[in-house]
N, C-alpha and C. Protein backbone atom coordinates (compact mmCIF):
# COMPACT_ATOMS: atom_id res chain seq x y z
N UNK A 1 98.05 45.74 155.99
CA UNK A 1 97.30 45.42 154.78
C UNK A 1 98.03 44.34 153.97
N UNK A 2 99.37 44.51 153.83
CA UNK A 2 100.16 43.53 153.09
C UNK A 2 100.09 42.17 153.74
N UNK A 3 100.19 42.14 155.10
CA UNK A 3 100.14 40.87 155.81
C UNK A 3 98.78 40.20 155.64
N UNK A 4 97.72 41.01 155.64
CA UNK A 4 96.37 40.46 155.50
C UNK A 4 96.18 39.84 154.13
N UNK A 5 96.65 40.52 153.07
CA UNK A 5 96.54 39.97 151.72
C UNK A 5 97.37 38.70 151.58
N UNK A 6 98.56 38.70 152.19
CA UNK A 6 99.41 37.52 152.12
C UNK A 6 98.75 36.34 152.82
N UNK A 7 98.13 36.60 153.97
CA UNK A 7 97.44 35.54 154.69
C UNK A 7 96.29 34.98 153.87
N UNK A 8 95.55 35.88 153.19
CA UNK A 8 94.45 35.42 152.34
C UNK A 8 94.96 34.58 151.18
N UNK A 9 96.09 35.00 150.59
CA UNK A 9 96.65 34.27 149.46
C UNK A 9 97.11 32.87 149.90
N UNK A 10 97.77 32.79 151.06
CA UNK A 10 98.22 31.49 151.56
C UNK A 10 97.04 30.60 151.87
N UNK A 11 95.96 31.19 152.42
CA UNK A 11 94.77 30.40 152.73
C UNK A 11 94.13 29.88 151.46
N UNK A 12 94.13 30.72 150.39
CA UNK A 12 93.57 30.29 149.11
C UNK A 12 94.39 29.14 148.53
N UNK A 13 95.72 29.23 148.62
CA UNK A 13 96.59 28.16 148.12
C UNK A 13 96.33 26.87 148.88
N UNK A 14 96.16 26.99 150.21
CA UNK A 14 95.93 25.79 151.02
C UNK A 14 94.59 25.15 150.68
N UNK A 15 93.55 25.96 150.46
CA UNK A 15 92.24 25.42 150.11
C UNK A 15 92.26 24.76 148.74
N UNK A 16 93.06 25.29 147.83
CA UNK A 16 93.09 24.76 146.47
C UNK A 16 93.93 23.51 146.36
N UNK A 17 95.04 23.48 147.08
CA UNK A 17 96.00 22.38 146.92
C UNK A 17 96.16 21.52 148.17
N UNK A 18 95.40 21.77 149.21
CA UNK A 18 95.54 21.01 150.45
C UNK A 18 95.03 19.59 150.33
N UNK A 19 95.27 18.81 151.39
CA UNK A 19 94.94 17.38 151.37
C UNK A 19 93.45 17.13 151.16
N UNK A 20 92.59 17.96 151.79
CA UNK A 20 91.16 17.67 151.74
C UNK A 20 90.58 17.75 150.34
N UNK A 21 91.24 18.46 149.41
CA UNK A 21 90.78 18.53 148.03
C UNK A 21 91.55 17.58 147.12
N UNK A 22 92.34 16.70 147.73
CA UNK A 22 93.11 15.74 146.95
C UNK A 22 92.76 14.31 147.37
N UNK A 23 91.51 14.10 147.75
CA UNK A 23 91.11 12.78 148.23
C UNK A 23 91.02 11.78 147.09
N UNK A 24 91.62 10.61 147.28
CA UNK A 24 91.59 9.54 146.29
C UNK A 24 90.66 8.43 146.78
N UNK A 25 89.78 7.96 145.90
CA UNK A 25 88.74 7.01 146.28
C UNK A 25 89.18 5.55 146.15
N UNK A 26 90.25 5.28 145.41
CA UNK A 26 90.70 3.90 145.18
C UNK A 26 92.16 3.78 145.60
N UNK A 27 92.46 2.71 146.32
CA UNK A 27 93.84 2.43 146.72
C UNK A 27 94.20 1.01 146.31
N UNK A 28 95.32 0.87 145.61
CA UNK A 28 95.85 -0.42 145.19
C UNK A 28 97.17 -0.65 145.92
N UNK A 29 97.34 -1.84 146.49
CA UNK A 29 98.57 -2.14 147.22
C UNK A 29 99.25 -3.39 146.67
N UNK A 30 100.54 -3.45 146.82
CA UNK A 30 101.30 -4.61 146.40
C UNK A 30 102.55 -4.74 147.25
N UNK A 31 102.93 -5.98 147.54
CA UNK A 31 104.11 -6.19 148.36
C UNK A 31 104.29 -7.64 148.74
N UNK A 32 104.71 -7.86 149.98
CA UNK A 32 104.97 -9.20 150.49
C UNK A 32 104.30 -9.38 151.85
N UNK A 33 103.80 -10.58 152.09
CA UNK A 33 103.33 -10.95 153.42
C UNK A 33 104.33 -11.91 154.03
N UNK A 34 104.82 -11.56 155.22
CA UNK A 34 105.87 -12.31 155.90
C UNK A 34 105.27 -13.02 157.11
N UNK A 35 105.21 -14.35 157.11
CA UNK A 35 104.68 -15.06 158.27
C UNK A 35 105.63 -14.97 159.45
N UNK A 36 105.08 -14.92 160.65
CA UNK A 36 105.90 -14.90 161.86
C UNK A 36 105.34 -15.94 162.84
N UNK A 37 106.19 -16.39 163.75
CA UNK A 37 105.76 -17.42 164.69
C UNK A 37 105.54 -18.76 164.00
N UNK A 38 104.55 -19.50 164.47
CA UNK A 38 104.27 -20.83 163.92
C UNK A 38 103.87 -20.80 162.45
N UNK A 39 103.32 -19.69 161.99
CA UNK A 39 102.86 -19.63 160.60
C UNK A 39 104.02 -19.78 159.62
N UNK A 40 105.25 -19.55 160.06
CA UNK A 40 106.40 -19.74 159.19
C UNK A 40 106.53 -21.20 158.73
N UNK A 41 105.96 -22.13 159.51
CA UNK A 41 106.04 -23.54 159.15
C UNK A 41 105.02 -23.94 158.08
N UNK A 42 103.98 -23.14 157.91
CA UNK A 42 102.92 -23.49 156.96
C UNK A 42 102.71 -22.45 155.87
N UNK A 43 103.52 -21.40 155.87
CA UNK A 43 103.40 -20.35 154.85
C UNK A 43 104.76 -19.72 154.61
N UNK A 44 105.10 -19.50 153.36
CA UNK A 44 106.36 -18.84 153.02
C UNK A 44 106.12 -17.34 152.86
N UNK A 45 107.19 -16.58 152.69
CA UNK A 45 107.06 -15.17 152.32
C UNK A 45 106.37 -15.10 150.97
N UNK A 46 105.23 -14.42 150.90
CA UNK A 46 104.33 -14.56 149.75
C UNK A 46 104.01 -13.22 149.10
N UNK A 47 103.83 -13.21 147.78
CA UNK A 47 103.35 -11.99 147.10
C UNK A 47 101.98 -11.60 147.64
N UNK A 48 101.75 -10.30 147.74
CA UNK A 48 100.49 -9.78 148.26
C UNK A 48 99.97 -8.67 147.36
N UNK A 49 98.66 -8.65 147.12
CA UNK A 49 98.01 -7.55 146.42
C UNK A 49 96.72 -7.22 147.15
N UNK A 50 96.29 -5.97 147.03
CA UNK A 50 95.06 -5.55 147.68
C UNK A 50 94.40 -4.41 146.95
N UNK A 51 93.11 -4.24 147.21
CA UNK A 51 92.33 -3.16 146.62
C UNK A 51 91.35 -2.65 147.66
N UNK A 52 91.29 -1.32 147.83
CA UNK A 52 90.40 -0.71 148.80
C UNK A 52 89.62 0.43 148.15
N UNK A 53 88.31 0.45 148.42
CA UNK A 53 87.44 1.55 148.00
C UNK A 53 87.23 2.45 149.21
N UNK A 54 87.63 3.72 149.10
CA UNK A 54 87.73 4.60 150.25
C UNK A 54 86.60 5.64 150.28
N UNK A 55 86.20 6.00 151.49
CA UNK A 55 85.18 7.04 151.68
C UNK A 55 85.63 7.92 152.83
N UNK A 56 85.66 9.22 152.59
CA UNK A 56 86.09 10.16 153.62
C UNK A 56 84.92 10.49 154.53
N UNK A 57 85.07 10.19 155.83
CA UNK A 57 84.02 10.47 156.81
C UNK A 57 84.20 11.83 157.44
N UNK A 58 85.44 12.25 157.63
CA UNK A 58 85.78 13.56 158.17
C UNK A 58 87.10 13.96 157.54
N UNK A 59 87.60 15.14 157.92
CA UNK A 59 88.80 15.65 157.28
C UNK A 59 90.00 14.73 157.48
N UNK A 60 90.01 13.96 158.57
CA UNK A 60 91.16 13.07 158.82
C UNK A 60 90.73 11.64 159.15
N UNK A 61 89.51 11.27 158.80
CA UNK A 61 89.01 9.91 159.06
C UNK A 61 88.48 9.31 157.77
N UNK A 62 88.93 8.09 157.46
CA UNK A 62 88.56 7.43 156.20
C UNK A 62 88.11 6.00 156.50
N UNK A 63 87.04 5.60 155.84
CA UNK A 63 86.55 4.22 155.92
C UNK A 63 86.73 3.56 154.56
N UNK A 64 87.27 2.35 154.56
CA UNK A 64 87.52 1.64 153.30
C UNK A 64 86.96 0.23 153.37
N UNK A 65 86.46 -0.24 152.23
CA UNK A 65 86.07 -1.64 152.07
C UNK A 65 86.96 -2.25 151.00
N UNK A 66 87.42 -3.48 151.24
CA UNK A 66 88.29 -4.07 150.22
C UNK A 66 88.83 -5.42 150.63
N UNK A 67 89.94 -5.78 150.00
CA UNK A 67 90.55 -7.09 150.25
C UNK A 67 92.06 -6.98 150.15
N UNK A 68 92.72 -7.96 150.77
CA UNK A 68 94.17 -8.10 150.69
C UNK A 68 94.45 -9.60 150.62
N UNK A 69 95.06 -10.06 149.53
CA UNK A 69 95.23 -11.50 149.33
C UNK A 69 96.70 -11.85 149.07
N UNK A 70 97.05 -13.09 149.43
CA UNK A 70 98.41 -13.60 149.28
C UNK A 70 98.41 -14.83 148.38
N UNK A 71 99.59 -15.10 147.83
CA UNK A 71 99.76 -16.26 146.94
C UNK A 71 100.94 -17.10 147.41
N UNK A 72 100.76 -17.81 148.54
CA UNK A 72 101.86 -18.61 149.10
C UNK A 72 102.10 -19.89 148.32
N UNK A 73 103.27 -20.46 148.53
CA UNK A 73 103.57 -21.77 147.95
C UNK A 73 102.85 -22.86 148.75
N UNK A 74 102.70 -24.00 148.12
CA UNK A 74 102.09 -25.16 148.79
C UNK A 74 102.97 -25.60 149.96
N UNK A 75 102.33 -25.85 151.10
CA UNK A 75 103.04 -26.33 152.29
C UNK A 75 102.27 -27.50 152.90
N UNK A 76 102.98 -28.55 153.27
CA UNK A 76 102.34 -29.69 153.93
C UNK A 76 102.09 -29.39 155.40
N UNK A 77 101.01 -29.96 155.93
CA UNK A 77 100.72 -29.85 157.36
C UNK A 77 100.00 -31.11 157.82
N UNK A 78 100.09 -31.39 159.11
CA UNK A 78 99.44 -32.56 159.70
C UNK A 78 98.13 -32.16 160.35
N UNK A 79 97.13 -33.02 160.23
CA UNK A 79 95.86 -32.77 160.90
C UNK A 79 96.04 -32.92 162.42
N UNK A 80 95.24 -32.18 163.17
CA UNK A 80 95.23 -32.32 164.62
C UNK A 80 94.36 -33.52 165.00
N UNK A 81 94.90 -34.40 165.82
CA UNK A 81 94.15 -35.57 166.32
C UNK A 81 93.65 -36.50 165.22
N UNK A 82 94.36 -36.56 164.12
CA UNK A 82 94.00 -37.47 163.02
C UNK A 82 95.24 -37.78 162.21
N UNK A 83 95.29 -38.98 161.64
CA UNK A 83 96.47 -39.41 160.89
C UNK A 83 96.35 -39.03 159.42
N UNK A 84 96.26 -37.73 159.18
CA UNK A 84 96.19 -37.23 157.81
C UNK A 84 97.26 -36.17 157.62
N UNK A 85 97.88 -36.19 156.47
CA UNK A 85 98.79 -35.12 156.06
C UNK A 85 98.25 -34.53 154.77
N UNK A 86 98.11 -33.23 154.76
CA UNK A 86 97.59 -32.56 153.57
C UNK A 86 98.47 -31.35 153.25
N UNK A 87 97.97 -30.44 152.43
CA UNK A 87 98.77 -29.28 152.04
C UNK A 87 97.87 -28.06 151.83
N UNK A 88 98.46 -26.91 152.03
CA UNK A 88 97.76 -25.66 151.78
C UNK A 88 97.72 -25.38 150.28
N UNK A 89 96.82 -24.51 149.88
CA UNK A 89 96.74 -24.05 148.49
C UNK A 89 97.34 -22.65 148.39
N UNK A 90 97.51 -22.17 147.19
CA UNK A 90 98.22 -20.91 146.97
C UNK A 90 97.30 -19.70 147.00
N UNK A 91 96.44 -19.64 148.04
CA UNK A 91 95.53 -18.49 148.14
C UNK A 91 95.11 -18.31 149.59
N UNK A 92 95.39 -17.13 150.13
CA UNK A 92 94.96 -16.77 151.48
C UNK A 92 94.77 -15.26 151.52
N UNK A 93 94.19 -14.78 152.62
CA UNK A 93 94.02 -13.34 152.73
C UNK A 93 92.84 -12.95 153.58
N UNK A 94 92.27 -11.77 153.28
CA UNK A 94 91.15 -11.25 154.04
C UNK A 94 90.29 -10.34 153.17
N UNK A 95 89.03 -10.21 153.60
CA UNK A 95 88.08 -9.27 153.01
C UNK A 95 87.42 -8.53 154.16
N UNK A 96 87.35 -7.20 154.08
CA UNK A 96 86.73 -6.52 155.21
C UNK A 96 86.78 -5.02 155.16
N UNK A 97 86.83 -4.45 156.36
CA UNK A 97 86.70 -3.02 156.60
C UNK A 97 88.01 -2.48 157.16
N UNK A 98 88.38 -1.28 156.71
CA UNK A 98 89.59 -0.61 157.21
C UNK A 98 89.21 0.81 157.63
N UNK A 99 89.56 1.18 158.84
CA UNK A 99 89.34 2.54 159.34
C UNK A 99 90.70 3.22 159.48
N UNK A 100 90.81 4.41 158.90
CA UNK A 100 92.09 5.11 158.83
C UNK A 100 92.01 6.47 159.51
N UNK A 101 93.06 6.82 160.22
CA UNK A 101 93.25 8.16 160.75
C UNK A 101 94.43 8.78 160.03
N UNK A 102 94.23 9.97 159.46
CA UNK A 102 95.26 10.62 158.65
C UNK A 102 95.85 11.79 159.43
N UNK A 103 97.18 11.85 159.47
CA UNK A 103 97.89 12.93 160.14
C UNK A 103 98.75 13.63 159.10
N UNK A 104 98.37 14.86 158.77
CA UNK A 104 99.09 15.61 157.74
C UNK A 104 100.48 16.00 158.22
N UNK A 105 101.47 15.75 157.38
CA UNK A 105 102.85 16.16 157.65
C UNK A 105 103.18 17.43 156.88
N UNK A 106 102.83 17.46 155.60
CA UNK A 106 103.02 18.65 154.76
C UNK A 106 101.91 18.66 153.71
N UNK A 107 100.88 19.48 153.93
CA UNK A 107 99.73 19.47 153.03
C UNK A 107 100.10 19.91 151.62
N UNK A 108 100.95 20.91 151.50
CA UNK A 108 101.24 21.46 150.17
C UNK A 108 102.09 20.50 149.33
N UNK A 109 102.82 19.61 149.99
CA UNK A 109 103.60 18.60 149.26
C UNK A 109 102.90 17.25 149.28
N UNK A 110 101.68 17.23 149.80
CA UNK A 110 100.85 16.01 149.82
C UNK A 110 101.54 14.87 150.56
N UNK A 111 102.06 15.16 151.73
CA UNK A 111 102.72 14.14 152.55
C UNK A 111 101.90 13.94 153.82
N UNK A 112 101.54 12.70 154.11
CA UNK A 112 100.82 12.43 155.35
C UNK A 112 101.14 11.04 155.87
N UNK A 113 100.80 10.82 157.13
CA UNK A 113 100.97 9.54 157.80
C UNK A 113 99.58 9.01 158.15
N UNK A 114 99.35 7.73 157.92
CA UNK A 114 98.03 7.16 158.13
C UNK A 114 98.12 5.93 159.04
N UNK A 115 97.28 5.92 160.09
CA UNK A 115 97.19 4.78 161.00
C UNK A 115 95.94 4.01 160.66
N UNK A 116 96.05 2.70 160.43
CA UNK A 116 94.93 1.88 159.95
C UNK A 116 94.59 0.78 160.95
N UNK A 117 93.29 0.56 161.13
CA UNK A 117 92.76 -0.57 161.89
C UNK A 117 91.89 -1.39 160.96
N UNK A 118 92.13 -2.71 160.90
CA UNK A 118 91.46 -3.58 159.93
C UNK A 118 90.67 -4.66 160.66
N UNK A 119 89.45 -4.92 160.18
CA UNK A 119 88.61 -5.99 160.72
C UNK A 119 87.90 -6.67 159.56
N UNK A 120 87.92 -8.01 159.54
CA UNK A 120 87.24 -8.68 158.44
C UNK A 120 87.26 -10.20 158.55
N UNK A 121 86.99 -10.83 157.42
CA UNK A 121 86.97 -12.29 157.29
C UNK A 121 88.32 -12.75 156.75
N UNK A 122 88.98 -13.65 157.48
CA UNK A 122 90.26 -14.19 157.04
C UNK A 122 90.11 -15.61 156.55
N UNK A 123 90.93 -16.00 155.58
CA UNK A 123 90.83 -17.34 155.00
C UNK A 123 92.19 -17.83 154.53
N UNK A 124 92.32 -19.15 154.49
CA UNK A 124 93.51 -19.82 153.95
C UNK A 124 93.01 -21.14 153.35
N UNK A 125 93.13 -21.29 152.04
CA UNK A 125 92.61 -22.49 151.38
C UNK A 125 93.57 -23.67 151.54
N UNK A 126 92.97 -24.86 151.62
CA UNK A 126 93.76 -26.09 151.76
C UNK A 126 93.04 -27.24 151.08
N UNK A 127 93.76 -28.33 150.89
CA UNK A 127 93.18 -29.54 150.33
C UNK A 127 92.79 -30.47 151.49
N UNK A 128 91.51 -30.83 151.55
CA UNK A 128 90.99 -31.62 152.67
C UNK A 128 91.24 -33.11 152.43
N UNK A 129 92.32 -33.63 153.00
CA UNK A 129 92.68 -35.04 152.83
C UNK A 129 91.66 -35.97 153.48
N UNK A 130 91.08 -35.54 154.58
CA UNK A 130 90.09 -36.38 155.25
C UNK A 130 88.84 -36.54 154.39
N UNK A 131 88.41 -35.46 153.73
CA UNK A 131 87.25 -35.53 152.84
C UNK A 131 87.55 -36.43 151.64
N UNK A 132 88.79 -36.40 151.15
CA UNK A 132 89.17 -37.29 150.04
C UNK A 132 89.11 -38.75 150.47
N UNK A 133 89.57 -39.02 151.70
CA UNK A 133 89.54 -40.40 152.20
C UNK A 133 88.10 -40.88 152.39
N UNK A 134 87.24 -40.00 152.88
CA UNK A 134 85.82 -40.36 153.04
C UNK A 134 85.17 -40.64 151.68
N UNK A 135 85.50 -39.83 150.70
CA UNK A 135 84.92 -40.01 149.36
C UNK A 135 85.37 -41.33 148.73
N UNK A 136 86.61 -41.71 149.00
CA UNK A 136 87.14 -42.96 148.44
C UNK A 136 86.37 -44.18 148.96
N UNK A 137 85.72 -44.04 150.12
CA UNK A 137 84.96 -45.15 150.70
C UNK A 137 83.48 -45.13 150.30
N UNK A 138 83.08 -44.13 149.55
CA UNK A 138 81.68 -44.12 149.09
C UNK A 138 81.43 -45.34 148.19
N UNK A 139 80.27 -45.96 148.29
CA UNK A 139 79.93 -47.03 147.33
C UNK A 139 79.73 -46.46 145.93
N UNK A 140 79.88 -47.29 144.93
CA UNK A 140 79.82 -46.84 143.54
C UNK A 140 78.48 -46.19 143.21
N UNK A 141 77.37 -46.75 143.74
CA UNK A 141 76.06 -46.18 143.41
C UNK A 141 75.89 -44.79 144.00
N UNK A 142 76.49 -44.53 145.17
CA UNK A 142 76.42 -43.19 145.76
C UNK A 142 77.24 -42.20 144.94
N UNK A 143 78.40 -42.64 144.45
CA UNK A 143 79.22 -41.76 143.62
C UNK A 143 78.50 -41.40 142.33
N UNK A 144 77.73 -42.34 141.79
CA UNK A 144 76.98 -42.07 140.56
C UNK A 144 75.78 -41.17 140.82
N UNK A 145 75.17 -41.32 141.98
CA UNK A 145 73.94 -40.57 142.28
C UNK A 145 74.21 -39.15 142.75
N UNK A 146 75.35 -38.92 143.36
CA UNK A 146 75.64 -37.61 143.94
C UNK A 146 76.84 -36.97 143.25
N UNK A 147 76.85 -35.63 143.30
CA UNK A 147 77.98 -34.89 142.74
C UNK A 147 79.22 -35.10 143.60
N UNK A 148 80.35 -35.09 142.95
CA UNK A 148 81.61 -35.21 143.67
C UNK A 148 81.83 -33.98 144.54
N UNK A 149 82.10 -34.14 145.82
CA UNK A 149 82.28 -32.97 146.69
C UNK A 149 83.59 -32.23 146.38
N UNK A 150 83.63 -30.99 146.80
CA UNK A 150 84.85 -30.21 146.64
C UNK A 150 85.80 -30.52 147.79
N UNK A 151 87.05 -30.76 147.46
CA UNK A 151 88.05 -31.06 148.47
C UNK A 151 88.91 -29.84 148.82
N UNK A 152 88.76 -28.77 148.06
CA UNK A 152 89.49 -27.53 148.35
C UNK A 152 88.59 -26.64 149.20
N UNK A 153 89.01 -26.37 150.41
CA UNK A 153 88.19 -25.64 151.37
C UNK A 153 89.02 -24.56 152.06
N UNK A 154 88.37 -23.57 152.65
CA UNK A 154 89.13 -22.56 153.39
C UNK A 154 89.11 -22.81 154.89
N UNK A 155 90.21 -22.53 155.56
CA UNK A 155 90.17 -22.30 156.99
C UNK A 155 89.60 -20.89 157.15
N UNK A 156 88.45 -20.77 157.76
CA UNK A 156 87.76 -19.48 157.88
C UNK A 156 87.89 -18.95 159.31
N UNK A 157 88.13 -17.65 159.43
CA UNK A 157 88.30 -17.05 160.75
C UNK A 157 88.07 -15.55 160.65
N UNK A 158 88.22 -14.85 161.77
CA UNK A 158 88.19 -13.39 161.72
C UNK A 158 89.62 -12.88 161.48
N UNK A 159 89.72 -11.66 161.03
CA UNK A 159 91.02 -11.05 160.74
C UNK A 159 91.10 -9.70 161.43
N UNK A 160 92.20 -9.46 162.13
CA UNK A 160 92.48 -8.17 162.75
C UNK A 160 93.82 -7.66 162.23
N UNK A 161 93.92 -6.35 162.05
CA UNK A 161 95.17 -5.78 161.57
C UNK A 161 95.38 -4.37 162.07
N UNK A 162 96.64 -3.98 162.20
CA UNK A 162 97.04 -2.61 162.54
C UNK A 162 98.20 -2.24 161.64
N UNK A 163 98.13 -1.04 161.03
CA UNK A 163 99.18 -0.69 160.09
C UNK A 163 99.48 0.79 160.03
N UNK A 164 100.59 1.11 159.38
CA UNK A 164 101.02 2.48 159.13
C UNK A 164 101.30 2.66 157.64
N UNK A 165 100.93 3.82 157.11
CA UNK A 165 101.22 4.18 155.73
C UNK A 165 101.83 5.58 155.69
N UNK A 166 102.86 5.74 154.89
CA UNK A 166 103.44 7.05 154.63
C UNK A 166 103.20 7.39 153.17
N UNK A 167 102.43 8.46 152.93
CA UNK A 167 102.06 8.83 151.56
C UNK A 167 102.81 10.07 151.11
N UNK A 168 103.30 10.05 149.87
CA UNK A 168 103.84 11.24 149.21
C UNK A 168 103.14 11.34 147.87
N UNK A 169 102.25 12.32 147.75
CA UNK A 169 101.36 12.46 146.58
C UNK A 169 100.54 11.19 146.40
N UNK A 170 100.60 10.54 145.26
CA UNK A 170 99.73 9.39 145.00
C UNK A 170 100.34 8.05 145.41
N UNK A 171 101.60 8.05 145.85
CA UNK A 171 102.29 6.81 146.17
C UNK A 171 102.70 6.79 147.64
N UNK A 172 103.05 5.59 148.13
CA UNK A 172 103.52 5.51 149.49
C UNK A 172 104.02 4.13 149.85
N UNK A 173 104.51 4.00 151.08
CA UNK A 173 104.97 2.73 151.62
C UNK A 173 104.11 2.38 152.82
N UNK A 174 104.01 1.08 153.12
CA UNK A 174 103.16 0.66 154.23
C UNK A 174 103.71 -0.58 154.91
N UNK A 175 103.28 -0.76 156.15
CA UNK A 175 103.55 -1.98 156.92
C UNK A 175 102.31 -2.25 157.76
N UNK A 176 101.87 -3.52 157.80
CA UNK A 176 100.65 -3.86 158.53
C UNK A 176 100.82 -5.21 159.22
N UNK A 177 100.49 -5.24 160.50
CA UNK A 177 100.48 -6.49 161.26
C UNK A 177 99.12 -7.18 161.09
N UNK A 178 99.14 -8.50 160.86
CA UNK A 178 97.91 -9.26 160.64
C UNK A 178 97.78 -10.38 161.68
N UNK A 179 96.55 -10.56 162.17
CA UNK A 179 96.26 -11.66 163.08
C UNK A 179 95.03 -12.41 162.57
N UNK A 180 95.21 -13.67 162.17
CA UNK A 180 94.13 -14.52 161.67
C UNK A 180 94.26 -15.89 162.34
N UNK A 181 93.52 -16.16 163.41
CA UNK A 181 93.63 -17.45 164.10
C UNK A 181 92.91 -18.56 163.33
N UNK A 182 93.60 -19.15 162.38
CA UNK A 182 92.98 -20.11 161.45
C UNK A 182 92.40 -21.34 162.15
N UNK A 183 92.92 -21.70 163.31
CA UNK A 183 92.47 -22.92 163.99
C UNK A 183 91.24 -22.70 164.86
N UNK A 184 90.76 -21.47 164.95
CA UNK A 184 89.73 -21.14 165.94
C UNK A 184 88.39 -21.83 165.67
N UNK A 185 88.00 -21.98 164.42
CA UNK A 185 86.68 -22.51 164.09
C UNK A 185 86.74 -23.84 163.35
N UNK A 186 87.78 -24.61 163.56
CA UNK A 186 87.92 -25.91 162.91
C UNK A 186 88.64 -26.88 163.84
N UNK A 187 88.36 -28.17 163.69
CA UNK A 187 89.11 -29.18 164.43
C UNK A 187 90.15 -29.87 163.56
N UNK A 188 90.31 -29.37 162.34
CA UNK A 188 91.30 -29.94 161.42
C UNK A 188 92.72 -29.61 161.84
N UNK A 189 92.92 -28.40 162.36
CA UNK A 189 94.24 -27.95 162.79
C UNK A 189 94.14 -27.39 164.20
N UNK A 190 95.30 -27.21 164.84
CA UNK A 190 95.33 -26.56 166.15
C UNK A 190 96.17 -25.29 166.08
N UNK A 191 96.45 -24.72 167.23
CA UNK A 191 97.16 -23.45 167.27
C UNK A 191 98.56 -23.48 166.71
N UNK A 192 99.13 -24.67 166.55
CA UNK A 192 100.48 -24.77 166.00
C UNK A 192 100.53 -24.42 164.52
N UNK A 193 99.37 -24.33 163.87
CA UNK A 193 99.34 -23.94 162.46
C UNK A 193 99.84 -22.51 162.27
N UNK A 194 99.53 -21.64 163.22
CA UNK A 194 99.99 -20.25 163.14
C UNK A 194 98.88 -19.27 162.86
N UNK A 195 99.15 -17.98 163.15
CA UNK A 195 98.12 -16.95 163.00
C UNK A 195 98.67 -15.57 162.67
N UNK A 196 99.97 -15.36 162.80
CA UNK A 196 100.52 -14.00 162.74
C UNK A 196 101.35 -13.78 161.47
N UNK A 197 101.25 -12.56 160.94
CA UNK A 197 102.06 -12.20 159.77
C UNK A 197 102.18 -10.68 159.69
N UNK A 198 103.09 -10.23 158.86
CA UNK A 198 103.28 -8.79 158.60
C UNK A 198 103.29 -8.58 157.09
N UNK A 199 102.53 -7.61 156.63
CA UNK A 199 102.50 -7.26 155.20
C UNK A 199 103.24 -5.94 155.00
N UNK A 200 104.19 -5.91 154.08
CA UNK A 200 104.94 -4.70 153.76
C UNK A 200 104.89 -4.48 152.25
N UNK A 201 104.96 -3.22 151.84
CA UNK A 201 104.94 -2.97 150.40
C UNK A 201 104.64 -1.53 150.05
N UNK A 202 104.17 -1.34 148.83
CA UNK A 202 103.86 -0.03 148.27
C UNK A 202 102.37 0.08 148.00
N UNK A 203 101.88 1.31 147.89
CA UNK A 203 100.49 1.51 147.50
C UNK A 203 100.38 2.72 146.57
N UNK A 204 99.30 2.73 145.82
CA UNK A 204 99.01 3.82 144.89
C UNK A 204 97.55 4.19 145.03
N UNK A 205 97.25 5.48 145.07
CA UNK A 205 95.88 5.96 145.21
C UNK A 205 95.48 6.79 143.99
N UNK A 206 94.22 6.62 143.62
CA UNK A 206 93.70 7.36 142.46
C UNK A 206 92.23 7.70 142.69
């Protein structure tokens, strides 16, 4: 009888304070994005921030929509197959979907490990030197008749990521590998521009 009551009490404690009743719908992240491979030549170690809106699909499966953006310093780069030198702008990142698998380590102390898979739209803004050169050759009447084009454009691509998060209550640490092949859909740059990076930092859920 004593064991049965104790088991019921422990089950009640777990239901009241366990992970499934402590789900947080918003996650904010902050840290650094570290370029690796060729991307080190066109991007420095950069501040990173992100925001994710989370939805629990099952007891250990979570779907999130959000963004993760970086603020790198300006870096010069050469155009592929053209005699232009331009520079990146201080904004890159991704917008998309994150699917998470949660593995509880200690429910009563709110400790868990989370494996994340990320898919979305990746971007890196730059100043288009070729477009500036083309605009400089416009005749005066065309410049008066038409609006001045924008010279700040993004390298647009898909983004893939895999990451790990360790949570203790509302806070945690994370590391995520990022793959964004910026040269895939443009002839402005080639594969030497780079595509790989790692994001590390802290996160908070509420």
